[in-house]
């Protein structure tokens, strides 16, 4: 296993996002203004946290590739795109304006277009990095699968944001300068989960977007947890068992992402699953338990493999 190394430029970005998160919390405490029914500093806070986590993850992944020049180019482009986005978001918050989907004036349209282009660039770079991971020897098969699958699913999750950029029927019927929405079936800004803001009364496309993006953290952390548990449980010392468990996790993650996207697009709240969504979700959970038990049972009848 390679020693942990990090891309320093991306770590500096993460540090900057940590400072922005603190500043946003202070802003939310002292500034009661709202945009779309929520405190206007919550969006900078959420983006600061999300970008900070992504920067740390990318800083690690790039060094796994072992290509210094490629790493420098990717980090520079990613940092530029992410900084452009966050500057526009913070600027809009400072002036009490909506940053996303705002096309109410030529200036707002230009800023929204700049933000959109910057994020598309970041998304393309993330896709290139994910492809590069398949051309790099990452060592242990289970670890390789977790990292590669995490990167690919994260790219898909990032891409799901494009589903939010089309104007809703209500916006087209009565245009108020906003073209695009997070919620499905209701206007943005209604009842939501604290801090996250995800709608509790309708579908919300931010949920699959969030879950998909963070596969880049969840799946690698899962294999780290499995490897640590292997020190105590002999079954997990078998490389085949670790690989099969990670494979189950990957399939489960993809299926969960599909169900969450389906749920959001159908206008169903995350806190009130019902009908086919509830049936499929329950069946998926049961299938995961059965699959894990089957992997453990199969291990008992196989000869131990070297790790």
C-alpha atoms as a PDB file:
ATOM      1  CA  UNK A   1       0.000   0.000   0.000  1.00  0.00           C
ATOM      2  CA  UNK A   2       1.440   3.366  -1.031  1.00  0.00           C
ATOM      3  CA  UNK A   3       2.079   5.913   1.751  1.00  0.00           C
ATOM      4  CA  UNK A   4      -0.442   8.733   1.916  1.00  0.00           C
ATOM      5  CA  UNK A   5       0.602  11.798  -0.066  1.00  0.00           C
ATOM      6  CA  UNK A   6      -1.424  14.834  -1.017  1.00  0.00           C
ATOM      7  CA  UNK A   7      -1.634  17.532  -3.667  1.00  0.00           C
ATOM      8  CA  UNK A   8      -0.729  20.657  -1.690  1.00  0.00           C
ATOM      9  CA  UNK A   9      -2.588  23.150  -3.875  1.00  0.00           C
ATOM     10  CA  UNK A  10      -5.856  21.320  -3.305  1.00  0.00           C
ATOM     11  CA  UNK A  11      -5.172  21.145   0.422  1.00  0.00           C
ATOM     12  CA  UNK A  12      -4.810  24.936   0.431  1.00  0.00           C
ATOM     13  CA  UNK A  13      -8.182  25.149  -1.310  1.00  0.00           C
ATOM     14  CA  UNK A  14      -9.681  22.900   1.369  1.00  0.00           C
ATOM     15  CA  UNK A  15      -8.206  25.140   4.078  1.00  0.00           C
ATOM     16  CA  UNK A  16      -9.738  28.178   2.396  1.00  0.00           C
ATOM     17  CA  UNK A  17     -13.115  26.434   2.291  1.00  0.00           C
ATOM     18  CA  UNK A  18     -12.844  25.664   6.004  1.00  0.00           C
ATOM     19  CA  UNK A  19     -12.374  29.380   6.683  1.00  0.00           C
ATOM     20  CA  UNK A  20     -15.304  30.210   4.403  1.00  0.00           C
ATOM     21  CA  UNK A  21     -17.478  27.703   6.260  1.00  0.00           C
ATOM     22  CA  UNK A  22     -16.693  29.433   9.559  1.00  0.00           C
ATOM     23  CA  UNK A  23     -17.378  32.842   8.032  1.00  0.00           C
ATOM     24  CA  UNK A  24     -20.693  31.568   6.611  1.00  0.00           C
ATOM     25  CA  UNK A  25     -21.769  30.295  10.025  1.00  0.00           C
ATOM     26  CA  UNK A  26     -21.015  33.709  11.502  1.00  0.00           C
ATOM     27  CA  UNK A  27     -22.884  35.335   8.627  1.00  0.00           C
ATOM     28  CA  UNK A  28     -25.939  33.163   9.245  1.00  0.00           C
ATOM     29  CA  UNK A  29     -25.925  34.137  12.914  1.00  0.00           C
ATOM     30  CA  UNK A  30     -25.712  37.887  12.345  1.00  0.00           C
ATOM     31  CA  UNK A  31     -27.559  38.285   9.037  1.00  0.00           C
ATOM     32  CA  UNK A  32     -31.213  37.206   9.002  1.00  0.00           C
ATOM     33  CA  UNK A  33     -31.836  37.858   5.306  1.00  0.00           C
ATOM     34  CA  UNK A  34     -33.294  34.991   3.298  1.00  0.00           C
ATOM     35  CA  UNK A  35     -33.280  33.826  -0.311  1.00  0.00           C
ATOM     36  CA  UNK A  36     -35.884  31.281  -1.326  1.00  0.00           C
ATOM     37  CA  UNK A  37     -37.112  30.916   2.234  1.00  0.00           C
ATOM     38  CA  UNK A  38     -33.713  30.031   3.775  1.00  0.00           C
ATOM     39  CA  UNK A  39     -30.920  32.073   5.276  1.00  0.00           C
ATOM     40  CA  UNK A  40     -28.777  33.335   2.411  1.00  0.00           C
ATOM     41  CA  UNK A  41     -25.511  32.219   4.090  1.00  0.00           C
ATOM     42  CA  UNK A  42     -26.499  28.550   4.187  1.00  0.00           C
ATOM     43  CA  UNK A  43     -25.695  28.069   0.510  1.00  0.00           C
ATOM     44  CA  UNK A  44     -22.096  29.383   0.867  1.00  0.00           C
ATOM     45  CA  UNK A  45     -21.746  27.171   3.957  1.00  0.00           C
ATOM     46  CA  UNK A  46     -22.896  24.025   2.154  1.00  0.00           C
ATOM     47  CA  UNK A  47     -20.748  24.705  -0.880  1.00  0.00           C
ATOM     48  CA  UNK A  48     -17.717  25.480   1.273  1.00  0.00           C
ATOM     49  CA  UNK A  49     -18.088  22.146   3.052  1.00  0.00           C
ATOM     50  CA  UNK A  50     -18.733  20.222  -0.153  1.00  0.00           C
ATOM     51  CA  UNK A  51     -15.847  21.803  -2.073  1.00  0.00           C
ATOM     52  CA  UNK A  52     -13.533  21.342   0.904  1.00  0.00           C
ATOM     53  CA  UNK A  53     -14.303  17.625   1.134  1.00  0.00           C
ATOM     54  CA  UNK A  54     -13.942  17.226  -2.627  1.00  0.00           C
ATOM     55  CA  UNK A  55     -10.616  19.078  -2.621  1.00  0.00           C
ATOM     56  CA  UNK A  56      -9.169  16.787   0.053  1.00  0.00           C
ATOM     57  CA  UNK A  57     -10.375  13.692  -1.801  1.00  0.00           C
ATOM     58  CA  UNK A  58      -9.015  14.876  -5.138  1.00  0.00           C
ATOM     59  CA  UNK A  59      -5.722  15.840  -3.486  1.00  0.00           C
ATOM     60  CA  UNK A  60      -5.312  12.214  -2.420  1.00  0.00           C
ATOM     61  CA  UNK A  61      -6.558  10.609  -5.640  1.00  0.00           C
ATOM     62  CA  UNK A  62      -4.249  12.680  -7.857  1.00  0.00           C
ATOM     63  CA  UNK A  63      -1.191  11.532  -5.939  1.00  0.00           C
ATOM     64  CA  UNK A  64      -2.260   7.903  -6.346  1.00  0.00           C
ATOM     65  CA  UNK A  65      -1.848   8.377 -10.093  1.00  0.00           C
ATOM     66  CA  UNK A  66       1.848   9.141  -9.701  1.00  0.00           C
ATOM     67  CA  UNK A  67       1.867  11.667 -12.558  1.00  0.00           C
ATOM     68  CA  UNK A  68       3.152  15.011 -11.220  1.00  0.00           C
ATOM     69  CA  UNK A  69       2.544  17.069 -14.367  1.00  0.00           C
ATOM     70  CA  UNK A  70      -0.956  15.671 -14.813  1.00  0.00           C
ATOM     71  CA  UNK A  71      -1.637  16.318 -11.126  1.00  0.00           C
ATOM     72  CA  UNK A  72      -0.546  19.953 -11.404  1.00  0.00           C
ATOM     73  CA  UNK A  73      -2.725  20.602 -14.453  1.00  0.00           C
ATOM     74  CA  UNK A  74      -5.794  18.904 -12.972  1.00  0.00           C
ATOM     75  CA  UNK A  75      -5.449  20.659  -9.628  1.00  0.00           C
ATOM     76  CA  UNK A  76      -4.978  24.073 -11.262  1.00  0.00           C
ATOM     77  CA  UNK A  77      -8.025  23.696 -13.533  1.00  0.00           C
ATOM     78  CA  UNK A  78     -10.185  22.258 -10.748  1.00  0.00           C
ATOM     79  CA  UNK A  79      -9.208  24.986  -8.297  1.00  0.00           C
ATOM     80  CA  UNK A  80      -9.907  27.717 -10.856  1.00  0.00           C
ATOM     81  CA  UNK A  81     -13.358  26.312 -11.652  1.00  0.00           C
ATOM     82  CA  UNK A  82     -14.324  25.787  -8.023  1.00  0.00           C
ATOM     83  CA  UNK A  83     -13.075  29.210  -6.915  1.00  0.00           C
ATOM     84  CA  UNK A  84     -15.059  30.901  -9.683  1.00  0.00           C
ATOM     85  CA  UNK A  85     -18.189  29.114  -8.517  1.00  0.00           C
ATOM     86  CA  UNK A  86     -17.738  29.909  -4.846  1.00  0.00           C
ATOM     87  CA  UNK A  87     -16.875  33.572  -5.486  1.00  0.00           C
ATOM     88  CA  UNK A  88     -20.139  34.027  -7.391  1.00  0.00           C
ATOM     89  CA  UNK A  89     -22.096  32.208  -4.676  1.00  0.00           C
ATOM     90  CA  UNK A  90     -20.596  34.302  -1.869  1.00  0.00           C
ATOM     91  CA  UNK A  91     -20.999  37.512  -3.871  1.00  0.00           C
ATOM     92  CA  UNK A  92     -24.660  36.783  -4.505  1.00  0.00           C
ATOM     93  CA  UNK A  93     -25.202  36.034  -0.815  1.00  0.00           C
ATOM     94  CA  UNK A  94     -23.536  39.290   0.212  1.00  0.00           C
ATOM     95  CA  UNK A  95     -25.958  41.222  -2.001  1.00  0.00           C
ATOM     96  CA  UNK A  96     -28.957  39.144  -0.916  1.00  0.00           C
ATOM     97  CA  UNK A  97     -29.478  37.573  -4.347  1.00  0.00           C
ATOM     98  CA  UNK A  98     -30.005  34.071  -5.698  1.00  0.00           C
ATOM     99  CA  UNK A  99     -26.854  32.686  -7.320  1.00  0.00           C
ATOM    100  CA  UNK A 100     -28.269  29.557  -8.954  1.00  0.00           C
ATOM    101  CA  UNK A 101     -30.794  29.609 -11.819  1.00  0.00           C
ATOM    102  CA  UNK A 102     -30.938  33.417 -11.677  1.00  0.00           C
ATOM    103  CA  UNK A 103     -31.425  34.898 -15.153  1.00  0.00           C
ATOM    104  CA  UNK A 104     -33.436  37.919 -14.083  1.00  0.00           C
ATOM    105  CA  UNK A 105     -31.027  40.453 -15.634  1.00  0.00           C
ATOM    106  CA  UNK A 106     -28.239  40.311 -18.234  1.00  0.00           C
ATOM    107  CA  UNK A 107     -25.663  40.493 -15.417  1.00  0.00           C
ATOM    108  CA  UNK A 108     -27.245  37.639 -13.490  1.00  0.00           C
ATOM    109  CA  UNK A 109     -27.526  35.591 -16.671  1.00  0.00           C
ATOM    110  CA  UNK A 110     -23.835  36.168 -17.381  1.00  0.00           C
ATOM    111  CA  UNK A 111     -22.825  35.157 -13.855  1.00  0.00           C
ATOM    112  CA  UNK A 112     -24.997  32.040 -14.006  1.00  0.00           C
ATOM    113  CA  UNK A 113     -23.461  31.134 -17.375  1.00  0.00           C
ATOM    114  CA  UNK A 114     -19.931  31.626 -16.035  1.00  0.00           C
ATOM    115  CA  UNK A 115     -20.741  29.453 -13.051  1.00  0.00           C
ATOM    116  CA  UNK A 116     -22.250  26.769 -15.273  1.00  0.00           C
ATOM    117  CA  UNK A 117     -19.226  26.699 -17.576  1.00  0.00           C
ATOM    118  CA  UNK A 118     -16.810  26.506 -14.638  1.00  0.00           C
ATOM    119  CA  UNK A 119     -18.632  23.520 -13.160  1.00  0.00           C
ATOM    120  CA  UNK A 120     -18.803  21.739 -16.516  1.00  0.00           C
ATOM    121  CA  UNK A 121     -15.020  22.134 -16.719  1.00  0.00           C
ATOM    122  CA  UNK A 122     -14.627  20.708 -13.200  1.00  0.00           C
ATOM    123  CA  UNK A 123     -16.918  17.817 -14.171  1.00  0.00           C
ATOM    124  CA  UNK A 124     -14.936  17.034 -17.331  1.00  0.00           C
ATOM    125  CA  UNK A 125     -11.674  17.083 -15.358  1.00  0.00           C
ATOM    126  CA  UNK A 126     -13.203  14.726 -12.766  1.00  0.00           C
ATOM    127  CA  UNK A 127     -14.180  12.359 -15.585  1.00  0.00           C
ATOM    128  CA  UNK A 128     -10.639  12.431 -16.959  1.00  0.00           C
ATOM    129  CA  UNK A 129      -9.255  11.620 -13.503  1.00  0.00           C
ATOM    130  CA  UNK A 130     -11.706   8.730 -13.133  1.00  0.00           C
ATOM    131  CA  UNK A 131     -10.584   7.308 -16.487  1.00  0.00           C
ATOM    132  CA  UNK A 132      -6.929   7.740 -15.491  1.00  0.00           C
ATOM    133  CA  UNK A 133      -7.544   5.609 -12.390  1.00  0.00           C
ATOM    134  CA  UNK A 134      -8.329   2.664 -14.664  1.00  0.00           C
ATOM    135  CA  UNK A 135      -4.914   3.086 -16.277  1.00  0.00           C
ATOM    136  CA  UNK A 136      -3.081   3.072 -12.936  1.00  0.00           C
ATOM    137  CA  UNK A 137      -2.032   0.130 -10.793  1.00  0.00           C
ATOM    138  CA  UNK A 138      -3.702   0.744  -7.435  1.00  0.00           C
ATOM    139  CA  UNK A 139      -2.610  -2.519  -5.836  1.00  0.00           C
ATOM    140  CA  UNK A 140      -5.121  -4.608  -3.888  1.00  0.00           C
ATOM    141  CA  UNK A 141      -8.161  -5.526  -6.072  1.00  0.00           C
ATOM    142  CA  UNK A 142     -10.750  -4.548  -3.446  1.00  0.00           C
ATOM    143  CA  UNK A 143      -9.070  -1.203  -2.835  1.00  0.00           C
ATOM    144  CA  UNK A 144      -8.769  -0.599  -6.581  1.00  0.00           C
ATOM    145  CA  UNK A 145     -12.457  -1.338  -7.113  1.00  0.00           C
ATOM    146  CA  UNK A 146     -13.511   0.985  -4.270  1.00  0.00           C
ATOM    147  CA  UNK A 147     -11.430   3.908  -5.542  1.00  0.00           C
ATOM    148  CA  UNK A 148     -12.300   3.500  -9.226  1.00  0.00           C
ATOM    149  CA  UNK A 149     -16.006   2.917  -8.616  1.00  0.00           C
ATOM    150  CA  UNK A 150     -16.112   5.823  -6.173  1.00  0.00           C
ATOM    151  CA  UNK A 151     -14.624   8.147  -8.785  1.00  0.00           C
ATOM    152  CA  UNK A 152     -16.987   7.020 -11.562  1.00  0.00           C
ATOM    153  CA  UNK A 153     -20.115   7.206  -9.393  1.00  0.00           C
ATOM    154  CA  UNK A 154     -19.025  10.642  -8.173  1.00  0.00           C
ATOM    155  CA  UNK A 155     -18.845  11.845 -11.775  1.00  0.00           C
ATOM    156  CA  UNK A 156     -22.367  10.510 -12.356  1.00  0.00           C
ATOM    157  CA  UNK A 157     -23.553  12.224  -9.181  1.00  0.00           C
ATOM    158  CA  UNK A 158     -22.028  15.516 -10.268  1.00  0.00           C
ATOM    159  CA  UNK A 159     -23.729  15.132 -13.644  1.00  0.00           C
ATOM    160  CA  UNK A 160     -27.137  14.730 -12.004  1.00  0.00           C
ATOM    161  CA  UNK A 161     -26.986  18.453 -11.227  1.00  0.00           C
ATOM    162  CA  UNK A 162     -27.839  19.088 -14.872  1.00  0.00           C
ATOM    163  CA  UNK A 163     -31.351  17.783 -14.142  1.00  0.00           C
ATOM    164  CA  UNK A 164     -31.934  20.894 -12.029  1.00  0.00           C
ATOM    165  CA  UNK A 165     -31.127  23.436 -14.724  1.00  0.00           C
ATOM    166  CA  UNK A 166     -34.304  23.235 -16.797  1.00  0.00           C
ATOM    167  CA  UNK A 167     -37.134  25.667 -15.954  1.00  0.00           C
ATOM    168  CA  UNK A 168     -40.204  24.106 -14.388  1.00  0.00           C
ATOM    169  CA  UNK A 169     -43.700  24.353 -15.852  1.00  0.00           C
ATOM    170  CA  UNK A 170     -44.622  26.840 -13.121  1.00  0.00           C
ATOM    171  CA  UNK A 171     -41.621  29.035 -13.960  1.00  0.00           C
ATOM    172  CA  UNK A 172     -42.480  28.979 -17.662  1.00  0.00           C
ATOM    173  CA  UNK A 173     -46.100  29.886 -16.918  1.00  0.00           C
ATOM    174  CA  UNK A 174     -45.118  32.846 -14.729  1.00  0.00           C
ATOM    175  CA  UNK A 175     -41.504  33.810 -15.306  1.00  0.00           C
ATOM    176  CA  UNK A 176     -39.915  35.569 -12.329  1.00  0.00           C
ATOM    177  CA  UNK A 177     -36.277  35.533 -13.427  1.00  0.00           C
ATOM    178  CA  UNK A 178     -35.489  32.023 -12.140  1.00  0.00           C
ATOM    179  CA  UNK A 179     -35.012  29.120 -14.565  1.00  0.00           C
ATOM    180  CA  UNK A 180     -34.299  25.859 -12.794  1.00  0.00           C
ATOM    181  CA  UNK A 181     -35.109  24.260  -9.454  1.00  0.00           C
ATOM    182  CA  UNK A 182     -34.012  21.715  -6.869  1.00  0.00           C
ATOM    183  CA  UNK A 183     -37.487  20.567  -5.894  1.00  0.00           C
ATOM    184  CA  UNK A 184     -39.831  18.523  -8.071  1.00  0.00           C
ATOM    185  CA  UNK A 185     -43.546  19.171  -7.712  1.00  0.00           C
ATOM    186  CA  UNK A 186     -43.296  22.295  -5.551  1.00  0.00           C
ATOM    187  CA  UNK A 187     -41.447  25.586  -5.605  1.00  0.00           C
ATOM    188  CA  UNK A 188     -38.019  25.738  -3.991  1.00  0.00           C
ATOM    189  CA  UNK A 189     -37.831  27.026  -0.444  1.00  0.00           C
ATOM    190  CA  UNK A 190     -40.597  24.999   1.243  1.00  0.00           C
ATOM    191  CA  UNK A 191     -40.281  22.791   4.337  1.00  0.00           C
ATOM    192  CA  UNK A 192     -36.955  20.981   4.389  1.00  0.00           C
ATOM    193  CA  UNK A 193     -34.463  18.998   6.433  1.00  0.00           C
ATOM    194  CA  UNK A 194     -32.477  21.349   8.714  1.00  0.00           C
ATOM    195  CA  UNK A 195     -29.203  22.656   7.222  1.00  0.00           C
ATOM    196  CA  UNK A 196     -29.391  20.392   4.165  1.00  0.00           C
ATOM    197  CA  UNK A 197     -32.659  21.990   3.083  1.00  0.00           C
ATOM    198  CA  UNK A 198     -33.871  18.894   1.235  1.00  0.00           C
ATOM    199  CA  UNK A 199     -37.608  19.071   0.703  1.00  0.00           C
ATOM    200  CA  UNK A 200     -39.751  17.074   3.118  1.00  0.00           C
ATOM    201  CA  UNK A 201     -42.906  17.521   1.046  1.00  0.00           C
ATOM    202  CA  UNK A 202     -41.742  16.787  -2.516  1.00  0.00           C
ATOM    203  CA  UNK A 203     -38.937  15.330  -4.584  1.00  0.00           C
ATOM    204  CA  UNK A 204     -35.518  16.967  -4.352  1.00  0.00           C
ATOM    205  CA  UNK A 205     -32.801  16.441  -6.955  1.00  0.00           C
ATOM    206  CA  UNK A 206     -30.097  17.601  -4.560  1.00  0.00           C
ATOM    207  CA  UNK A 207     -30.369  14.259  -2.760  1.00  0.00           C
ATOM    208  CA  UNK A 208     -29.126  11.942  -5.549  1.00  0.00           C
ATOM    209  CA  UNK A 209     -26.654  14.669  -6.548  1.00  0.00           C
ATOM    210  CA  UNK A 210     -25.247  14.689  -3.000  1.00  0.00           C
ATOM    211  CA  UNK A 211     -25.215  10.905  -2.568  1.00  0.00           C
ATOM    212  CA  UNK A 212     -23.602  10.350  -5.958  1.00  0.00           C
ATOM    213  CA  UNK A 213     -20.855  12.939  -5.458  1.00  0.00           C
ATOM    214  CA  UNK A 214     -19.810  11.528  -2.124  1.00  0.00           C
ATOM    215  CA  UNK A 215     -19.199   8.019  -3.426  1.00  0.00           C
ATOM    216  CA  UNK A 216     -15.646   9.322  -3.858  1.00  0.00           C
ATOM    217  CA  UNK A 217     -15.387   9.412  -0.072  1.00  0.00           C
ATOM    218  CA  UNK A 218     -17.767   6.638   1.031  1.00  0.00           C
ATOM    219  CA  UNK A 219     -16.390   3.714  -0.971  1.00  0.00           C
ATOM    220  CA  UNK A 220     -12.670   4.331  -0.260  1.00  0.00           C
ATOM    221  CA  UNK A 221     -13.493   4.829   3.434  1.00  0.00           C
ATOM    222  CA  UNK A 222     -15.423   1.559   3.342  1.00  0.00           C
ATOM    223  CA  UNK A 223     -12.395  -0.415   2.166  1.00  0.00           C
ATOM    224  CA  UNK A 224     -10.256   1.306   4.796  1.00  0.00           C
ATOM    225  CA  UNK A 225     -12.768   0.185   7.440  1.00  0.00           C
ATOM    226  CA  UNK A 226     -12.780  -3.375   6.068  1.00  0.00           C
ATOM    227  CA  UNK A 227      -8.976  -3.505   6.081  1.00  0.00           C
ATOM    228  CA  UNK A 228      -8.887  -2.289   9.685  1.00  0.00           C
ATOM    229  CA  UNK A 229     -11.500  -4.851  10.715  1.00  0.00           C
ATOM    230  CA  UNK A 230      -9.431  -7.555   9.016  1.00  0.00           C
ATOM    231  CA  UNK A 231      -6.918  -7.215  11.841  1.00  0.00           C
ATOM    232  CA  UNK A 232      -9.548  -8.613  14.181  1.00  0.00           C
ATOM    233  CA  UNK A 233     -11.704 -10.816  11.943  1.00  0.00           C
ATOM    234  CA  UNK A 234      -9.850 -13.515  10.004  1.00  0.00           C
ATOM    235  CA  UNK A 235     -12.587 -13.812   7.374  1.00  0.00           C
ATOM    236  CA  UNK A 236     -11.788 -10.329   6.113  1.00  0.00           C
ATOM    237  CA  UNK A 237      -8.131 -11.209   5.637  1.00  0.00           C
ATOM    238  CA  UNK A 238      -9.139 -13.150   2.546  1.00  0.00           C
ATOM    239  CA  UNK A 239      -8.636 -10.891  -0.498  1.00  0.00           C
ATOM    240  CA  UNK A 240     -11.569 -12.575  -2.255  1.00  0.00           C
ATOM    241  CA  UNK A 241     -13.939 -11.762   0.596  1.00  0.00           C
ATOM    242  CA  UNK A 242     -12.863  -8.126   0.669  1.00  0.00           C
ATOM    243  CA  UNK A 243     -13.324  -7.816  -3.091  1.00  0.00           C
ATOM    244  CA  UNK A 244     -16.783  -9.403  -3.006  1.00  0.00           C
ATOM    245  CA  UNK A 245     -17.907  -7.167  -0.153  1.00  0.00           C
ATOM    246  CA  UNK A 246     -16.721  -4.077  -1.994  1.00  0.00           C
ATOM    247  CA  UNK A 247     -18.456  -5.312  -5.159  1.00  0.00           C
ATOM    248  CA  UNK A 248     -21.696  -5.646  -3.181  1.00  0.00           C
ATOM    249  CA  UNK A 249     -21.200  -2.123  -1.832  1.00  0.00           C
ATOM    250  CA  UNK A 250     -20.636  -0.729  -5.331  1.00  0.00           C
ATOM    251  CA  UNK A 251     -23.741  -2.399  -6.775  1.00  0.00           C
ATOM    252  CA  UNK A 252     -25.751  -1.275  -3.747  1.00  0.00           C
ATOM    253  CA  UNK A 253     -24.516   2.289  -4.095  1.00  0.00           C
ATOM    254  CA  UNK A 254     -25.419   2.425  -7.777  1.00  0.00           C
ATOM    255  CA  UNK A 255     -28.842   0.914  -7.145  1.00  0.00           C
ATOM    256  CA  UNK A 256     -29.475   3.318  -4.261  1.00  0.00           C
ATOM    257  CA  UNK A 257     -28.491   6.269  -6.426  1.00  0.00           C
ATOM    258  CA  UNK A 258     -30.898   5.086  -9.122  1.00  0.00           C
ATOM    259  CA  UNK A 259     -33.743   4.714  -6.607  1.00  0.00           C
ATOM    260  CA  UNK A 260     -33.081   8.159  -5.102  1.00  0.00           C
ATOM    261  CA  UNK A 261     -33.067   9.738  -8.566  1.00  0.00           C
ATOM    262  CA  UNK A 262     -36.292   7.951  -9.450  1.00  0.00           C
ATOM    263  CA  UNK A 263     -37.849   9.059  -6.156  1.00  0.00           C
ATOM    264  CA  UNK A 264     -36.842  12.679  -6.684  1.00  0.00           C
ATOM    265  CA  UNK A 265     -38.051  12.829 -10.279  1.00  0.00           C
ATOM    266  CA  UNK A 266     -41.381  11.305  -9.260  1.00  0.00           C
ATOM    267  CA  UNK A 267     -41.878  14.177  -6.796  1.00  0.00           C
ATOM    268  CA  UNK A 268     -41.733  11.952  -3.722  1.00  0.00           C
ATOM    269  CA  UNK A 269     -40.127  13.241  -0.512  1.00  0.00           C
ATOM    270  CA  UNK A 270     -37.078  11.454   0.873  1.00  0.00           C
ATOM    271  CA  UNK A 271     -38.759  11.217   4.297  1.00  0.00           C
ATOM    272  CA  UNK A 272     -41.978   9.696   2.947  1.00  0.00           C
ATOM    273  CA  UNK A 273     -41.089   6.839   0.577  1.00  0.00           C
ATOM    274  CA  UNK A 274     -44.154   5.037  -0.695  1.00  0.00           C
ATOM    275  CA  UNK A 275     -45.471   2.760  -3.414  1.00  0.00           C
ATOM    276  CA  UNK A 276     -43.000   1.223  -5.836  1.00  0.00           C
ATOM    277  CA  UNK A 277     -40.109   3.263  -4.438  1.00  0.00           C
ATOM    278  CA  UNK A 278     -40.656   1.815  -0.973  1.00  0.00           C
ATOM    279  CA  UNK A 279     -41.007  -1.725  -2.326  1.00  0.00           C
ATOM    280  CA  UNK A 280     -37.839  -1.499  -4.407  1.00  0.00           C
ATOM    281  CA  UNK A 281     -35.903   0.139  -1.579  1.00  0.00           C
ATOM    282  CA  UNK A 282     -36.942  -2.574   0.873  1.00  0.00           C
ATOM    283  CA  UNK A 283     -36.086  -5.318  -1.624  1.00  0.00           C
ATOM    284  CA  UNK A 284     -32.679  -3.746  -2.209  1.00  0.00           C
ATOM    285  CA  UNK A 285     -31.939  -3.682   1.535  1.00  0.00           C
ATOM    286  CA  UNK A 286     -32.941  -7.325   1.887  1.00  0.00           C
ATOM    287  CA  UNK A 287     -30.835  -8.322  -1.132  1.00  0.00           C
ATOM    288  CA  UNK A 288     -27.777  -6.638   0.373  1.00  0.00           C
ATOM    289  CA  UNK A 289     -28.137  -8.583   3.620  1.00  0.00           C
ATOM    290  CA  UNK A 290     -28.548 -11.870   1.727  1.00  0.00           C
ATOM    291  CA  UNK A 291     -25.526 -11.110  -0.469  1.00  0.00           C
ATOM    292  CA  UNK A 292     -23.277 -10.325   2.511  1.00  0.00           C
ATOM    293  CA  UNK A 293     -24.347 -13.502   4.314  1.00  0.00           C
ATOM    294  CA  UNK A 294     -23.692 -15.500   1.135  1.00  0.00           C
ATOM    295  CA  UNK A 295     -20.164 -14.081   0.834  1.00  0.00           C
ATOM    296  CA  UNK A 296     -19.351 -15.002   4.436  1.00  0.00           C
ATOM    297  CA  UNK A 297     -20.856 -18.481   4.032  1.00  0.00           C
ATOM    298  CA  UNK A 298     -18.948 -19.081   0.802  1.00  0.00           C
ATOM    299  CA  UNK A 299     -15.705 -18.146   2.542  1.00  0.00           C
ATOM    300  CA  UNK A 300     -16.143 -21.070   4.917  1.00  0.00           C
ATOM    301  CA  UNK A 301     -16.145 -23.639   2.109  1.00  0.00           C
ATOM    302  CA  UNK A 302     -13.277 -22.128   0.145  1.00  0.00           C
ATOM    303  CA  UNK A 303      -9.610 -22.529   0.834  1.00  0.00           C
ATOM    304  CA  UNK A 304      -8.149 -19.350   2.338  1.00  0.00           C
ATOM    305  CA  UNK A 305      -6.492 -17.115  -0.228  1.00  0.00           C
ATOM    306  CA  UNK A 306      -3.334 -15.196   0.406  1.00  0.00           C
ATOM    307  CA  UNK A 307      -3.842 -11.507   1.068  1.00  0.00           C
END
